[in-house]
Amino acid sequence: MKEQEFRREVLMLRRRIRKLLALLRLLVVSLRISGFSLANERVPQGKAKAALLQSIDRTREFLLLRAVLRVLRLSPARYHLWTSLRKACHLLA
């Protein structure tokens, strides 16, 4: 690519990042205002826990685990319990 094409692509990607960050901020604020928290909620189904863990794993490519858990309001102890259950095959995938 030529330098001008790179610059155009960088500008496009920066705009996209700003849009995604704005959307993320909106979602996080909405979750906090609604009082959403996994701290006092049970996630009884193994499939639901497995789906949440898979989503957390994907997100960890871009964010620290601590930040992901903070957004979800999921305690680290609970997260690690679920991961140990997943490793021991007690969560249905």
PDB file of N, CA and C in Angstrom:
ATOM      1  N   MET A   1       0.833  -1.195   0.000  1.00  0.00           N
ATOM      2  CA  MET A   1       0.000   0.000   0.000  1.00  0.00           C
ATOM      3  C   MET A   1       0.872   1.250   0.000  1.00  0.00           C
ATOM      4  N   LYS A   2       0.303   2.261  -0.561  1.00  0.00           N
ATOM      5  CA  LYS A   2       1.007   3.534  -0.557  1.00  0.00           C
ATOM      6  C   LYS A   2       0.751   4.233   0.765  1.00  0.00           C
ATOM      7  N   GLU A   3       1.601   5.188   1.041  1.00  0.00           N
ATOM      8  CA  GLU A   3       1.491   5.920   2.310  1.00  0.00           C
ATOM      9  C   GLU A   3       0.118   6.565   2.462  1.00  0.00           C
ATOM     10  N   GLN A   4      -0.406   7.105   1.417  1.00  0.00           N
ATOM     11  CA  GLN A   4      -1.712   7.774   1.476  1.00  0.00           C
ATOM     12  C   GLN A   4      -2.821   6.769   1.821  1.00  0.00           C
ATOM     13  N   GLU A   5      -2.738   5.573   1.260  1.00  0.00           N
ATOM     14  CA  GLU A   5      -3.721   4.531   1.572  1.00  0.00           C
ATOM     15  C   GLU A   5      -3.620   4.113   3.039  1.00  0.00           C
ATOM     16  N   PHE A   6      -2.392   4.019   3.555  1.00  0.00           N
ATOM     17  CA  PHE A   6      -2.198   3.693   4.968  1.00  0.00           C
ATOM     18  C   PHE A   6      -2.813   4.763   5.857  1.00  0.00           C
ATOM     19  N   ARG A   7      -2.580   6.004   5.519  1.00  0.00           N
ATOM     20  CA  ARG A   7      -3.129   7.112   6.312  1.00  0.00           C
ATOM     21  C   ARG A   7      -4.663   7.060   6.322  1.00  0.00           C
ATOM     22  N   ARG A   8      -5.249   6.811   5.157  1.00  0.00           N
ATOM     23  CA  ARG A   8      -6.700   6.715   5.052  1.00  0.00           C
ATOM     24  C   ARG A   8      -7.221   5.558   5.917  1.00  0.00           C
ATOM     25  N   GLU A   9      -6.526   4.425   5.860  1.00  0.00           N
ATOM     26  CA  GLU A   9      -6.947   3.271   6.650  1.00  0.00           C
ATOM     27  C   GLU A   9      -6.799   3.550   8.142  1.00  0.00           C
ATOM     28  N   VAL A  10      -5.719   4.198   8.541  1.00  0.00           N
ATOM     29  CA  VAL A  10      -5.513   4.544   9.948  1.00  0.00           C
ATOM     30  C   VAL A  10      -6.626   5.464  10.430  1.00  0.00           C
ATOM     31  N   LEU A  11      -6.977   6.464   9.636  1.00  0.00           N
ATOM     32  CA  LEU A  11      -8.065   7.370  10.012  1.00  0.00           C
ATOM     33  C   LEU A  11      -9.386   6.631  10.145  1.00  0.00           C
ATOM     34  N   MET A  12      -9.663   5.722   9.226  1.00  0.00           N
ATOM     35  CA  MET A  12     -10.887   4.933   9.279  1.00  0.00           C
ATOM     36  C   MET A  12     -10.920   4.062  10.543  1.00  0.00           C
ATOM     37  N   LEU A  13      -9.787   3.425  10.854  1.00  0.00           N
ATOM     38  CA  LEU A  13      -9.715   2.569  12.032  1.00  0.00           C
ATOM     39  C   LEU A  13      -9.836   3.380  13.319  1.00  0.00           C
ATOM     40  N   ARG A  14      -9.263   4.564  13.349  1.00  0.00           N
ATOM     41  CA  ARG A  14      -9.383   5.427  14.523  1.00  0.00           C
ATOM     42  C   ARG A  14     -10.836   5.827  14.754  1.00  0.00           C
ATOM     43  N   ARG A  15     -11.561   6.151  13.675  1.00  0.00           N
ATOM     44  CA  ARG A  15     -12.985   6.475  13.808  1.00  0.00           C
ATOM     45  C   ARG A  15     -13.761   5.277  14.328  1.00  0.00           C
ATOM     46  N   ARG A  16     -13.440   4.118  13.817  1.00  0.00           N
ATOM     47  CA  ARG A  16     -14.125   2.902  14.259  1.00  0.00           C
ATOM     48  C   ARG A  16     -13.846   2.625  15.738  1.00  0.00           C
ATOM     49  N   ILE A  17     -12.616   2.809  16.155  1.00  0.00           N
ATOM     50  CA  ILE A  17     -12.252   2.618  17.563  1.00  0.00           C
ATOM     51  C   ILE A  17     -13.018   3.594  18.440  1.00  0.00           C
ATOM     52  N   ARG A  18     -13.116   4.865  18.017  1.00  0.00           N
ATOM     53  CA  ARG A  18     -13.863   5.852  18.807  1.00  0.00           C
ATOM     54  C   ARG A  18     -15.327   5.459  18.936  1.00  0.00           C
ATOM     55  N   LYS A  19     -15.916   4.954  17.856  1.00  0.00           N
ATOM     56  CA  LYS A  19     -17.313   4.505  17.904  1.00  0.00           C
ATOM     57  C   LYS A  19     -17.471   3.324  18.851  1.00  0.00           C
ATOM     58  N   LEU A  20     -16.564   2.365  18.755  1.00  0.00           N
ATOM     59  CA  LEU A  20     -16.649   1.187  19.621  1.00  0.00           C
ATOM     60  C   LEU A  20     -16.439   1.546  21.087  1.00  0.00           C
ATOM     61  N   LEU A  21     -15.506   2.458  21.353  1.00  0.00           N
ATOM     62  CA  LEU A  21     -15.287   2.903  22.730  1.00  0.00           C
ATOM     63  C   LEU A  21     -16.513   3.629  23.276  1.00  0.00           C
ATOM     64  N   ALA A  22     -17.138   4.442  22.445  1.00  0.00           N
ATOM     65  CA  ALA A  22     -18.350   5.140  22.876  1.00  0.00           C
ATOM     66  C   ALA A  22     -19.456   4.142  23.184  1.00  0.00           C
ATOM     67  N   LEU A  23     -19.607   3.138  22.346  1.00  0.00           N
ATOM     68  CA  LEU A  23     -20.612   2.107  22.578  1.00  0.00           C
ATOM     69  C   LEU A  23     -20.307   1.332  23.851  1.00  0.00           C
ATOM     70  N   LEU A  24     -19.050   0.986  24.054  1.00  0.00           N
ATOM     71  CA  LEU A  24     -18.650   0.268  25.255  1.00  0.00           C
ATOM     72  C   LEU A  24     -18.939   1.088  26.512  1.00  0.00           C
ATOM     73  N   ARG A  25     -18.594   2.372  26.482  1.00  0.00           N
ATOM     74  CA  ARG A  25     -18.875   3.241  27.630  1.00  0.00           C
ATOM     75  C   ARG A  25     -20.368   3.293  27.916  1.00  0.00           C
ATOM     76  N   LEU A  26     -21.166   3.408  26.861  1.00  0.00           N
ATOM     77  CA  LEU A  26     -22.610   3.444  27.014  1.00  0.00           C
ATOM     78  C   LEU A  26     -23.133   2.162  27.655  1.00  0.00           C
ATOM     79  N   LEU A  27     -22.629   1.030  27.211  1.00  0.00           N
ATOM     80  CA  LEU A  27     -23.061  -0.249  27.771  1.00  0.00           C
ATOM     81  C   LEU A  27     -22.633  -0.404  29.227  1.00  0.00           C
ATOM     82  N   VAL A  28     -21.418  -0.020  29.535  1.00  0.00           N
ATOM     83  CA  VAL A  28     -20.933  -0.138  30.920  1.00  0.00           C
ATOM     84  C   VAL A  28     -21.744   0.762  31.839  1.00  0.00           C
ATOM     85  N   VAL A  29     -21.995   1.991  31.423  1.00  0.00           N
ATOM     86  CA  VAL A  29     -22.799   2.895  32.245  1.00  0.00           C
ATOM     87  C   VAL A  29     -24.215   2.350  32.404  1.00  0.00           C
ATOM     88  N   SER A  30     -24.779   1.825  31.334  1.00  0.00           N
ATOM     89  CA  SER A  30     -26.125   1.248  31.405  1.00  0.00           C
ATOM     90  C   SER A  30     -26.180   0.084  32.387  1.00  0.00           C
ATOM     91  N   LEU A  31     -25.156  -0.757  32.347  1.00  0.00           N
ATOM     92  CA  LEU A  31     -25.112  -1.885  33.284  1.00  0.00           C
ATOM     93  C   LEU A  31     -25.009  -1.406  34.725  1.00  0.00           C
ATOM     94  N   ARG A  32     -24.175  -0.411  34.956  1.00  0.00           N
ATOM     95  CA  ARG A  32     -24.011   0.100  36.316  1.00  0.00           C
ATOM     96  C   ARG A  32     -25.278   0.773  36.816  1.00  0.00           C
ATOM     97  N   ILE A  33     -25.925   1.565  35.967  1.00  0.00           N
ATOM     98  CA  ILE A  33     -27.154   2.242  36.367  1.00  0.00           C
ATOM     99  C   ILE A  33     -28.250   1.230  36.683  1.00  0.00           C
ATOM    100  N   SER A  34     -28.310   0.167  35.898  1.00  0.00           N
ATOM    101  CA  SER A  34     -29.354  -0.845  36.106  1.00  0.00           C
ATOM    102  C   SER A  34     -29.095  -1.687  37.349  1.00  0.00           C
ATOM    103  N   GLY A  35     -27.890  -1.560  37.907  1.00  0.00           N
ATOM    104  CA  GLY A  35     -27.554  -2.358  39.080  1.00  0.00           C
ATOM    105  C   GLY A  35     -27.121  -3.768  38.727  1.00  0.00           C
ATOM    106  N   PHE A  36     -26.874  -4.007  37.456  1.00  0.00           N
ATOM    107  CA  PHE A  36     -26.458  -5.336  37.018  1.00  0.00           C
ATOM    108  C   PHE A  36     -25.210  -5.780  37.761  1.00  0.00           C
ATOM    109  N   SER A  37     -25.263  -6.989  38.252  1.00  0.00           N
ATOM    110  CA  SER A  37     -24.122  -7.564  38.942  1.00  0.00           C
ATOM    111  C   SER A  37     -24.297  -9.069  39.005  1.00  0.00           C
ATOM    112  N   LEU A  38     -23.223  -9.769  38.801  1.00  0.00           N
ATOM    113  CA  LEU A  38     -23.260 -11.224  38.973  1.00  0.00           C
ATOM    114  C   LEU A  38     -22.873 -11.607  40.400  1.00  0.00           C
ATOM    115  N   ALA A  39     -22.559 -10.601  41.219  1.00  0.00           N
ATOM    116  CA  ALA A  39     -22.102 -10.854  42.580  1.00  0.00           C
ATOM    117  C   ALA A  39     -23.162 -11.571  43.409  1.00  0.00           C
ATOM    118  N   ASN A  40     -24.419 -11.181  43.271  1.00  0.00           N
ATOM    119  CA  ASN A  40     -25.486 -11.769  44.084  1.00  0.00           C
ATOM    120  C   ASN A  40     -26.469 -12.578  43.259  1.00  0.00           C
ATOM    121  N   GLU A  41     -26.087 -12.913  42.049  1.00  0.00           N
ATOM    122  CA  GLU A  41     -26.954 -13.679  41.155  1.00  0.00           C
ATOM    123  C   GLU A  41     -26.360 -15.055  40.920  1.00  0.00           C
ATOM    124  N   ARG A  42     -27.243 -16.031  40.873  1.00  0.00           N
ATOM    125  CA  ARG A  42     -26.797 -17.377  40.529  1.00  0.00           C
ATOM    126  C   ARG A  42     -26.904 -17.557  39.022  1.00  0.00           C
ATOM    127  N   VAL A  43     -25.937 -18.226  38.468  1.00  0.00           N
ATOM    128  CA  VAL A  43     -25.995 -18.638  37.069  1.00  0.00           C
ATOM    129  C   VAL A  43     -26.068 -20.162  37.133  1.00  0.00           C
ATOM    130  N   PRO A  44     -27.297 -20.691  37.251  1.00  0.00           N
ATOM    131  CA  PRO A  44     -27.453 -22.106  37.586  1.00  0.00           C
ATOM    132  C   PRO A  44     -27.069 -23.091  36.491  1.00  0.00           C
ATOM    133  N   GLN A  45     -27.221 -22.695  35.243  1.00  0.00           N
ATOM    134  CA  GLN A  45     -26.980 -23.653  34.176  1.00  0.00           C
ATOM    135  C   GLN A  45     -25.515 -23.687  33.775  1.00  0.00           C
ATOM    136  N   GLY A  46     -24.994 -24.888  33.672  1.00  0.00           N
ATOM    137  CA  GLY A  46     -23.599 -25.064  33.279  1.00  0.00           C
ATOM    138  C   GLY A  46     -23.302 -24.492  31.912  1.00  0.00           C
ATOM    139  N   LYS A  47     -24.274 -24.585  30.992  1.00  0.00           N
ATOM    140  CA  LYS A  47     -24.069 -24.052  29.640  1.00  0.00           C
ATOM    141  C   LYS A  47     -23.936 -22.532  29.677  1.00  0.00           C
ATOM    142  N   ALA A  48     -24.715 -21.884  30.540  1.00  0.00           N
ATOM    143  CA  ALA A  48     -24.633 -20.421  30.660  1.00  0.00           C
ATOM    144  C   ALA A  48     -23.272 -20.016  31.224  1.00  0.00           C
ATOM    145  N   LYS A  49     -22.816 -20.751  32.223  1.00  0.00           N
ATOM    146  CA  LYS A  49     -21.497 -20.455  32.797  1.00  0.00           C
ATOM    147  C   LYS A  49     -20.399 -20.679  31.763  1.00  0.00           C
ATOM    148  N   ALA A  50     -20.510 -21.770  31.028  1.00  0.00           N
ATOM    149  CA  ALA A  50     -19.502 -22.076  30.004  1.00  0.00           C
ATOM    150  C   ALA A  50     -19.485 -20.992  28.929  1.00  0.00           C
ATOM    151  N   ALA A  51     -20.656 -20.502  28.527  1.00  0.00           N
ATOM    152  CA  ALA A  51     -20.728 -19.437  27.521  1.00  0.00           C
ATOM    153  C   ALA A  51     -20.106 -18.150  28.051  1.00  0.00           C
ATOM    154  N   LEU A  52     -20.374 -17.831  29.317  1.00  0.00           N
ATOM    155  CA  LEU A  52     -19.795 -16.630  29.920  1.00  0.00           C
ATOM    156  C   LEU A  52     -18.274 -16.764  30.022  1.00  0.00           C
ATOM    157  N   LEU A  53     -17.792 -17.922  30.437  1.00  0.00           N
ATOM    158  CA  LEU A  53     -16.345 -18.145  30.528  1.00  0.00           C
ATOM    159  C   LEU A  53     -15.681 -18.047  29.159  1.00  0.00           C
ATOM    160  N   GLN A  54     -16.334 -18.579  28.136  1.00  0.00           N
ATOM    161  CA  GLN A  54     -15.784 -18.502  26.786  1.00  0.00           C
ATOM    162  C   GLN A  54     -15.710 -17.048  26.323  1.00  0.00           C
ATOM    163  N   SER A  55     -16.737 -16.289  26.636  1.00  0.00           N
ATOM    164  CA  SER A  55     -16.748 -14.874  26.289  1.00  0.00           C
ATOM    165  C   SER A  55     -15.639 -14.119  27.023  1.00  0.00           C
ATOM    166  N   ILE A  56     -15.447 -14.434  28.290  1.00  0.00           N
ATOM    167  CA  ILE A  56     -14.372 -13.812  29.076  1.00  0.00           C
ATOM    168  C   ILE A  56     -13.020 -14.172  28.480  1.00  0.00           C
ATOM    169  N   ASP A  57     -12.842 -15.433  28.098  1.00  0.00           N
ATOM    170  CA  ASP A  57     -11.579 -15.861  27.490  1.00  0.00           C
ATOM    171  C   ASP A  57     -11.271 -15.066  26.219  1.00  0.00           C
ATOM    172  N   ARG A  58     -12.288 -14.853  25.386  1.00  0.00           N
ATOM    173  CA  ARG A  58     -12.083 -14.082  24.152  1.00  0.00           C
ATOM    174  C   ARG A  58     -11.729 -12.634  24.464  1.00  0.00           C
ATOM    175  N   THR A  59     -12.384 -12.078  25.469  1.00  0.00           N
ATOM    176  CA  THR A  59     -12.159 -10.682  25.832  1.00  0.00           C
ATOM    177  C   THR A  59     -10.772 -10.486  26.426  1.00  0.00           C
ATOM    178  N   ARG A  60     -10.248 -11.501  27.077  1.00  0.00           N
ATOM    179  CA  ARG A  60      -8.931 -11.399  27.719  1.00  0.00           C
ATOM    180  C   ARG A  60      -7.804 -11.193  26.716  1.00  0.00           C
ATOM    181  N   GLU A  61      -8.072 -11.413  25.434  1.00  0.00           N
ATOM    182  CA  GLU A  61      -7.057 -11.115  24.415  1.00  0.00           C
ATOM    183  C   GLU A  61      -6.793  -9.613  24.347  1.00  0.00           C
ATOM    184  N   PHE A  62      -7.776  -8.813  24.787  1.00  0.00           N
ATOM    185  CA  PHE A  62      -7.693  -7.369  24.633  1.00  0.00           C
ATOM    186  C   PHE A  62      -7.708  -6.605  25.944  1.00  0.00           C
ATOM    187  N   LEU A  63      -8.220  -7.217  26.999  1.00  0.00           N
ATOM    188  CA  LEU A  63      -8.344  -6.553  28.297  1.00  0.00           C
ATOM    189  C   LEU A  63      -7.786  -7.443  29.395  1.00  0.00           C
ATOM    190  N   LEU A  64      -7.357  -6.819  30.467  1.00  0.00           N
ATOM    191  CA  LEU A  64      -6.913  -7.588  31.630  1.00  0.00           C
ATOM    192  C   LEU A  64      -8.106  -8.278  32.275  1.00  0.00           C
ATOM    193  N   LEU A  65      -7.870  -9.456  32.826  1.00  0.00           N
ATOM    194  CA  LEU A  65      -8.940 -10.207  33.481  1.00  0.00           C
ATOM    195  C   LEU A  65      -9.608  -9.363  34.557  1.00  0.00           C
ATOM    196  N   ARG A  66      -8.821  -8.646  35.326  1.00  0.00           N
ATOM    197  CA  ARG A  66      -9.348  -7.804  36.400  1.00  0.00           C
ATOM    198  C   ARG A  66     -10.373  -6.805  35.858  1.00  0.00           C
ATOM    199  N   ALA A  67     -10.088  -6.211  34.699  1.00  0.00           N
ATOM    200  CA  ALA A  67     -10.996  -5.240  34.089  1.00  0.00           C
ATOM    201  C   ALA A  67     -12.273  -5.919  33.599  1.00  0.00           C
ATOM    202  N   VAL A  68     -12.134  -7.082  33.003  1.00  0.00           N
ATOM    203  CA  VAL A  68     -13.294  -7.824  32.509  1.00  0.00           C
ATOM    204  C   VAL A  68     -14.215  -8.191  33.672  1.00  0.00           C
ATOM    205  N   LEU A  69     -13.634  -8.705  34.744  1.00  0.00           N
ATOM    206  CA  LEU A  69     -14.440  -9.101  35.901  1.00  0.00           C
ATOM    207  C   LEU A  69     -15.099  -7.892  36.553  1.00  0.00           C
ATOM    208  N   ARG A  70     -14.407  -6.766  36.551  1.00  0.00           N
ATOM    209  CA  ARG A  70     -14.965  -5.538  37.126  1.00  0.00           C
ATOM    210  C   ARG A  70     -16.181  -5.080  36.329  1.00  0.00           C
ATOM    211  N   VAL A  71     -16.091  -5.136  35.007  1.00  0.00           N
ATOM    212  CA  VAL A  71     -17.222  -4.749  34.156  1.00  0.00           C
ATOM    213  C   VAL A  71     -18.415  -5.662  34.412  1.00  0.00           C
ATOM    214  N   LEU A  72     -18.160  -6.952  34.533  1.00  0.00           N
ATOM    215  CA  LEU A  72     -19.231  -7.915  34.782  1.00  0.00           C
ATOM    216  C   LEU A  72     -19.698  -7.931  36.231  1.00  0.00           C
ATOM    217  N   ARG A  73     -18.884  -7.311  37.089  1.00  0.00           N
ATOM    218  CA  ARG A  73     -19.116  -7.363  38.536  1.00  0.00           C
ATOM    219  C   ARG A  73     -19.188  -8.815  39.014  1.00  0.00           C
ATOM    220  N   LEU A  74     -18.238  -9.564  38.533  1.00  0.00           N
ATOM    221  CA  LEU A  74     -18.077 -10.964  38.906  1.00  0.00           C
ATOM    222  C   LEU A  74     -16.826 -11.054  39.766  1.00  0.00           C
ATOM    223  N   SER A  75     -16.942 -11.656  40.928  1.00  0.00           N
ATOM    224  CA  SER A  75     -15.788 -11.716  41.823  1.00  0.00           C
ATOM    225  C   SER A  75     -14.724 -12.648  41.244  1.00  0.00           C
ATOM    226  N   PRO A  76     -13.461 -12.317  41.486  1.00  0.00           N
ATOM    227  CA  PRO A  76     -12.381 -13.197  41.019  1.00  0.00           C
ATOM    228  C   PRO A  76     -12.501 -14.612  41.600  1.00  0.00           C
ATOM    229  N   ALA A  77     -12.915 -14.717  42.860  1.00  0.00           N
ATOM    230  CA  ALA A  77     -13.055 -16.044  43.477  1.00  0.00           C
ATOM    231  C   ALA A  77     -14.093 -16.883  42.739  1.00  0.00           C
ATOM    232  N   ARG A  78     -15.205 -16.262  42.413  1.00  0.00           N
ATOM    233  CA  ARG A  78     -16.257 -16.981  41.699  1.00  0.00           C
ATOM    234  C   ARG A  78     -15.795 -17.373  40.298  1.00  0.00           C
ATOM    235  N   TYR A  79     -15.110 -16.464  39.629  1.00  0.00           N
ATOM    236  CA  TYR A  79     -14.585 -16.759  38.294  1.00  0.00           C
ATOM    237  C   TYR A  79     -13.628 -17.956  38.349  1.00  0.00           C
ATOM    238  N   HIS A  80     -12.714 -17.937  39.301  1.00  0.00           N
ATOM    239  CA  HIS A  80     -11.734 -19.024  39.396  1.00  0.00           C
ATOM    240  C   HIS A  80     -12.385 -20.342  39.796  1.00  0.00           C
ATOM    241  N   LEU A  81     -13.430 -20.277  40.601  1.00  0.00           N
ATOM    242  CA  LEU A  81     -14.185 -21.493  40.933  1.00  0.00           C
ATOM    243  C   LEU A  81     -14.799 -22.072  39.661  1.00  0.00           C
ATOM    244  N   TRP A  82     -15.425 -21.215  38.871  1.00  0.00           N
ATOM    245  CA  TRP A  82     -16.036 -21.684  37.632  1.00  0.00           C
ATOM    246  C   TRP A  82     -14.999 -22.262  36.676  1.00  0.00           C
ATOM    247  N   THR A  83     -13.837 -21.632  36.580  1.00  0.00           N
ATOM    248  CA  THR A  83     -12.809 -22.157  35.669  1.00  0.00           C
ATOM    249  C   THR A  83     -12.281 -23.503  36.157  1.00  0.00           C
ATOM    250  N   SER A  84     -12.176 -23.644  37.481  1.00  0.00           N
ATOM    251  CA  SER A  84     -11.718 -24.943  37.991  1.00  0.00           C
ATOM    252  C   SER A  84     -12.776 -26.017  37.756  1.00  0.00           C
ATOM    253  N   LEU A  85     -14.048 -25.641  37.854  1.00  0.00           N
ATOM    254  CA  LEU A  85     -15.118 -26.599  37.553  1.00  0.00           C
ATOM    255  C   LEU A  85     -15.112 -26.968  36.074  1.00  0.00           C
ATOM    256  N   ARG A  86     -14.832 -25.983  35.229  1.00  0.00           N
ATOM    257  CA  ARG A  86     -14.771 -26.258  33.793  1.00  0.00           C
ATOM    258  C   ARG A  86     -13.639 -27.215  33.498  1.00  0.00           C
ATOM    259  N   LYS A  87     -12.492 -27.003  34.135  1.00  0.00           N
ATOM    260  CA  LYS A  87     -11.347 -27.892  33.901  1.00  0.00           C
ATOM    261  C   LYS A  87     -11.624 -29.297  34.408  1.00  0.00           C
ATOM    262  N   ALA A  88     -12.421 -29.384  35.476  1.00  0.00           N
ATOM    263  CA  ALA A  88     -12.748 -30.702  36.031  1.00  0.00           C
ATOM    264  C   ALA A  88     -13.960 -31.326  35.323  1.00  0.00           C
ATOM    265  N   CYS A  89     -14.420 -30.673  34.246  1.00  0.00           N
ATOM    266  CA  CYS A  89     -15.543 -31.164  33.432  1.00  0.00           C
ATOM    267  C   CYS A  89     -16.863 -31.172  34.191  1.00  0.00           C
ATOM    268  N   HIS A  90     -17.034 -30.297  35.165  1.00  0.00           N
ATOM    269  CA  HIS A  90     -18.299 -30.223  35.878  1.00  0.00           C
ATOM    270  C   HIS A  90     -19.251 -29.220  35.252  1.00  0.00           C
ATOM    271  N   LEU A  91     -18.766 -28.415  34.317  1.00  0.00           N
ATOM    272  CA  LEU A  91     -19.637 -27.498  33.589  1.00  0.00           C
ATOM    273  C   LEU A  91     -19.926 -28.110  32.238  1.00  0.00           C
ATOM    274  N   LEU A  92     -21.157 -28.110  31.876  1.00  0.00           N
ATOM    275  CA  LEU A  92     -21.536 -28.619  30.561  1.00  0.00           C
ATOM    276  C   LEU A  92     -21.167 -27.585  29.519  1.00  0.00           C
ATOM    277  N   ALA A  93     -20.506 -28.014  28.478  1.00  0.00           N
ATOM    278  CA  ALA A  93     -20.122 -27.080  27.406  1.00  0.00           C
ATOM    279  C   ALA A  93     -21.193 -26.980  26.354  1.00  0.00           C
TER     280      ALA A  93
END
